[in-house]
């Protein structure tokens, strides 16, 4: 009985040793090169749409050793490398990427530090707008106009999606030209407009 117990114990130890050896074989290829060291990865990135361009904004924590932020798009065919100098706390950067044809983009961002280490990649999306987008925009419509002894009042229909507001250029009672701004959420505007004159307005959209 003792011999059977010893044999069973030996078999268990042998099985464990073989299992450990197999485990080490699996991870050997990852350990041979030593520990992989990464540069600090950007905490977050955003890409804000513009006309044939996109504003890149990135945030990183404790990026004092980061030398460049690198942005790639079009499957890596296009890229920029941005020299940076970050603080020890949370810090940020803004860069305009110009000459972007009108379409949607997938951007990959990573950092390189002073020691040649590369960070993990963070991905986000952005769009560049131009004539195709502009052709779909409509000016906000005027609903009514009235003139009192004190001011002129312009009433507006509801704003279209994406509208920031309206600029109104008009002639004041003293004969000078003035410009007023009205937010997209407002529906009426009172201005010191001179009777018998005309006014111009334009609708402002993002981007």
Protein backbone atom coordinates (compact mmCIF):
# COMPACT_ATOMS: atom_id res chain seq x y z
CA UNK A 1 0.00 0.00 0.00
CA UNK A 2 2.89 2.34 0.84
CA UNK A 3 4.48 1.63 -2.53
CA UNK A 4 1.22 2.46 -4.30
CA UNK A 5 0.95 5.74 -2.35
CA UNK A 6 4.55 6.64 -3.16
CA UNK A 7 3.99 5.84 -6.83
CA UNK A 8 0.86 7.99 -6.89
CA UNK A 9 2.73 10.88 -5.24
CA UNK A 10 5.57 10.54 -7.73
CA UNK A 11 3.12 10.59 -10.64
CA UNK A 12 1.45 13.72 -9.26
CA UNK A 13 4.78 15.47 -8.84
CA UNK A 14 5.86 14.41 -12.30
CA UNK A 15 2.61 15.64 -13.81
CA UNK A 16 2.98 18.97 -12.02
CA UNK A 17 6.57 19.36 -13.19
CA UNK A 18 5.61 18.62 -16.78
CA UNK A 19 2.68 21.05 -16.58
CA UNK A 20 4.92 23.81 -15.25
CA UNK A 21 7.46 23.11 -17.96
CA UNK A 22 4.75 23.36 -20.63
CA UNK A 23 3.56 26.63 -19.09
CA UNK A 24 7.06 28.08 -19.23
CA UNK A 25 7.46 26.96 -22.85
CA UNK A 26 4.31 28.85 -23.79
CA UNK A 27 5.55 32.08 -22.19
CA UNK A 28 9.22 31.66 -23.03
CA UNK A 29 8.95 33.66 -26.25
CA UNK A 30 7.51 36.59 -24.30
CA UNK A 31 10.13 36.47 -21.55
CA UNK A 32 13.24 36.07 -23.67
CA UNK A 33 13.23 39.70 -24.78
CA UNK A 34 12.77 40.98 -21.24
CA UNK A 35 9.96 43.12 -19.86
CA UNK A 36 8.19 45.34 -22.40
CA UNK A 37 8.23 49.00 -21.36
CA UNK A 38 5.63 51.35 -22.82
CA UNK A 39 5.60 55.12 -23.04
CA UNK A 40 2.64 56.85 -21.33
CA UNK A 41 -0.49 56.44 -23.44
CA UNK A 42 -2.76 59.47 -24.08
CA UNK A 43 -5.65 59.40 -21.61
CA UNK A 44 -8.13 60.63 -24.20
CA UNK A 45 -8.23 62.20 -27.65
CA UNK A 46 -10.93 64.00 -29.65
CA UNK A 47 -11.12 65.17 -33.25
CA UNK A 48 -13.34 68.21 -33.87
CA UNK A 49 -14.71 68.75 -37.37
CA UNK A 50 -13.75 71.74 -39.50
CA UNK A 51 -13.75 72.86 -43.12
CA UNK A 52 -11.13 70.69 -44.87
CA UNK A 53 -9.39 70.34 -41.52
CA UNK A 54 -9.81 68.75 -38.11
CA UNK A 55 -8.79 69.99 -34.67
CA UNK A 56 -6.95 67.31 -32.69
CA UNK A 57 -7.07 67.59 -28.89
CA UNK A 58 -5.24 65.17 -26.62
CA UNK A 59 -4.83 64.76 -22.85
CA UNK A 60 -2.09 62.85 -21.06
CA UNK A 61 -1.14 62.35 -17.41
CA UNK A 62 2.47 62.48 -16.25
CA UNK A 63 3.85 62.76 -19.76
CA UNK A 64 7.10 64.51 -18.84
CA UNK A 65 9.19 61.96 -20.75
CA UNK A 66 6.97 61.97 -23.82
CA UNK A 67 8.79 63.41 -26.82
CA UNK A 68 6.17 63.21 -29.58
CA UNK A 69 2.51 62.44 -30.11
CA UNK A 70 1.93 60.67 -33.40
CA UNK A 71 -1.35 60.66 -35.32
CA UNK A 72 -2.02 58.28 -38.21
CA UNK A 73 -4.98 58.01 -40.58
CA UNK A 74 -5.92 56.51 -43.97
CA UNK A 75 -4.70 53.11 -42.74
CA UNK A 76 -1.35 54.61 -41.78
CA UNK A 77 -0.68 56.16 -45.19
CA UNK A 78 -0.85 59.67 -43.70
CA UNK A 79 0.54 60.81 -40.38
CA UNK A 80 1.93 63.69 -38.36
CA UNK A 81 4.47 63.68 -35.52
CA UNK A 82 3.89 66.44 -32.96
CA UNK A 83 6.77 67.51 -30.67
CA UNK A 84 5.43 67.96 -27.15
CA UNK A 85 6.52 69.05 -23.68
CA UNK A 86 4.07 67.90 -20.99
CA UNK A 87 3.88 68.57 -17.25
CA UNK A 88 3.79 65.93 -14.51
CA UNK A 89 0.05 66.34 -13.92
CA UNK A 90 -2.74 66.12 -16.49
CA UNK A 91 -1.77 68.19 -19.53
CA UNK A 92 -3.18 68.71 -23.01
CA UNK A 93 -2.35 69.73 -26.56
CA UNK A 94 -4.29 71.13 -29.53
CA UNK A 95 -3.17 70.86 -33.16
CA UNK A 96 -5.03 71.58 -36.41
CA UNK A 97 -4.63 68.94 -39.11
CA UNK A 98 -5.02 70.73 -42.45
CA UNK A 99 -5.67 69.65 -46.05
CA UNK A 100 -8.17 66.90 -45.26
CA UNK A 101 -10.66 66.06 -48.04
CA UNK A 102 -14.29 65.97 -46.99
CA UNK A 103 -15.02 62.56 -45.41
CA UNK A 104 -14.92 60.61 -42.14
CA UNK A 105 -11.59 59.46 -40.72
CA UNK A 106 -10.27 56.88 -38.28
CA UNK A 107 -7.31 58.22 -36.30
CA UNK A 108 -4.73 56.18 -34.37
CA UNK A 109 -2.69 58.06 -31.76
CA UNK A 110 0.38 56.91 -29.84
CA UNK A 111 3.30 58.54 -28.02
CA UNK A 112 7.07 58.08 -28.15
CA UNK A 113 9.20 58.94 -25.12
CA UNK A 114 12.78 60.13 -24.73
CA UNK A 115 14.01 56.54 -24.38
CA UNK A 116 12.52 55.33 -27.65
CA UNK A 117 9.59 53.51 -26.03
CA UNK A 118 6.24 53.56 -27.79
CA UNK A 119 2.86 53.67 -26.07
CA UNK A 120 -0.19 51.58 -26.74
CA UNK A 121 -2.44 53.04 -29.44
CA UNK A 122 -5.69 54.88 -28.80
CA UNK A 123 -8.24 55.22 -31.63
CA UNK A 124 -10.96 57.78 -32.27
CA UNK A 125 -12.92 59.20 -35.19
CA UNK A 126 -13.46 62.58 -36.84
CA UNK A 127 -14.88 64.20 -39.97
CA UNK A 128 -13.82 66.96 -42.32
CA UNK A 129 -16.53 69.01 -44.03
CA UNK A 130 -16.55 71.09 -47.18
CA UNK A 131 -18.81 72.02 -50.10
CA UNK A 132 -20.98 68.87 -49.99
CA UNK A 133 -21.90 69.56 -46.38
CA UNK A 134 -22.31 73.31 -46.93
CA UNK A 135 -24.77 72.65 -49.77
CA UNK A 136 -27.15 70.95 -47.32
CA UNK A 137 -27.30 73.90 -44.90
CA UNK A 138 -30.28 76.23 -44.86
CA UNK A 139 -30.48 79.74 -43.35
CA UNK A 140 -32.83 80.11 -40.40
CA UNK A 141 -36.15 81.51 -41.57
CA UNK A 142 -37.67 84.74 -40.28
CA UNK A 143 -41.21 84.26 -38.99
CA UNK A 144 -42.24 87.90 -38.55
CA UNK A 145 -40.96 91.45 -38.03
CA UNK A 146 -42.45 94.31 -36.06
CA UNK A 147 -41.40 97.84 -35.18
CA UNK A 148 -42.29 99.70 -32.03
CA UNK A 149 -41.30 103.13 -30.75
CA UNK A 150 -38.48 101.52 -28.78
CA UNK A 151 -37.08 98.79 -31.06
CA UNK A 152 -37.56 96.41 -33.91
CA UNK A 153 -38.41 92.79 -33.05
CA UNK A 154 -37.59 89.83 -35.29
CA UNK A 155 -39.34 86.50 -34.66
CA UNK A 156 -37.74 83.29 -35.98
CA UNK A 157 -38.79 79.75 -36.82
CA UNK A 158 -37.08 76.85 -35.02
CA UNK A 159 -33.36 76.40 -35.68
CA UNK A 160 -32.05 73.53 -37.79
CA UNK A 161 -29.85 70.86 -36.23
CA UNK A 162 -26.25 71.99 -35.87
CA UNK A 163 -27.05 75.71 -35.95
CA UNK A 164 -25.01 77.76 -33.50
CA UNK A 165 -26.82 81.04 -33.94
CA UNK A 166 -27.43 83.99 -36.23
CA UNK A 167 -25.61 87.25 -36.89
CA UNK A 168 -27.83 90.21 -37.79
CA UNK A 169 -26.35 93.31 -39.41
CA UNK A 170 -28.55 96.42 -39.31
CA UNK A 171 -28.61 100.23 -39.26
CA UNK A 172 -29.26 101.82 -35.89
CA UNK A 173 -31.36 104.90 -35.20
CA UNK A 174 -28.26 107.09 -35.21
CA UNK A 175 -27.26 105.83 -38.67
CA UNK A 176 -24.37 103.55 -37.70
CA UNK A 177 -24.06 99.88 -38.64
CA UNK A 178 -24.28 97.33 -35.84
CA UNK A 179 -24.13 93.53 -35.59
CA UNK A 180 -26.22 91.53 -33.12
CA UNK A 181 -25.90 87.83 -32.29
CA UNK A 182 -28.74 85.49 -31.37
CA UNK A 183 -28.29 81.95 -30.01
CA UNK A 184 -29.94 79.05 -31.80
CA UNK A 185 -32.15 78.43 -28.76
CA UNK A 186 -33.74 81.89 -28.93
CA UNK A 187 -36.81 82.68 -31.02
CA UNK A 188 -36.93 86.48 -30.96
CA UNK A 189 -34.48 89.38 -31.03
CA UNK A 190 -34.97 93.05 -30.28
CA UNK A 191 -32.67 95.52 -32.05
CA UNK A 192 -32.35 99.30 -32.20
CA UNK A 193 -33.05 99.37 -35.94
CA UNK A 194 -33.81 102.51 -37.93
CA UNK A 195 -37.26 102.57 -39.53
CA UNK A 196 -37.28 102.08 -43.31
CA UNK A 197 -33.88 100.34 -43.44
CA UNK A 198 -33.06 96.75 -44.29
CA UNK A 199 -31.13 94.19 -42.27
CA UNK A 200 -29.01 91.20 -43.24
CA UNK A 201 -28.60 87.95 -41.35
CA UNK A 202 -26.52 84.83 -41.69
CA UNK A 203 -26.78 81.44 -40.00
CA UNK A 204 -23.70 79.97 -38.31
CA UNK A 205 -23.23 76.21 -38.28
CA UNK A 206 -20.74 73.74 -36.87
CA UNK A 207 -18.14 73.50 -38.25
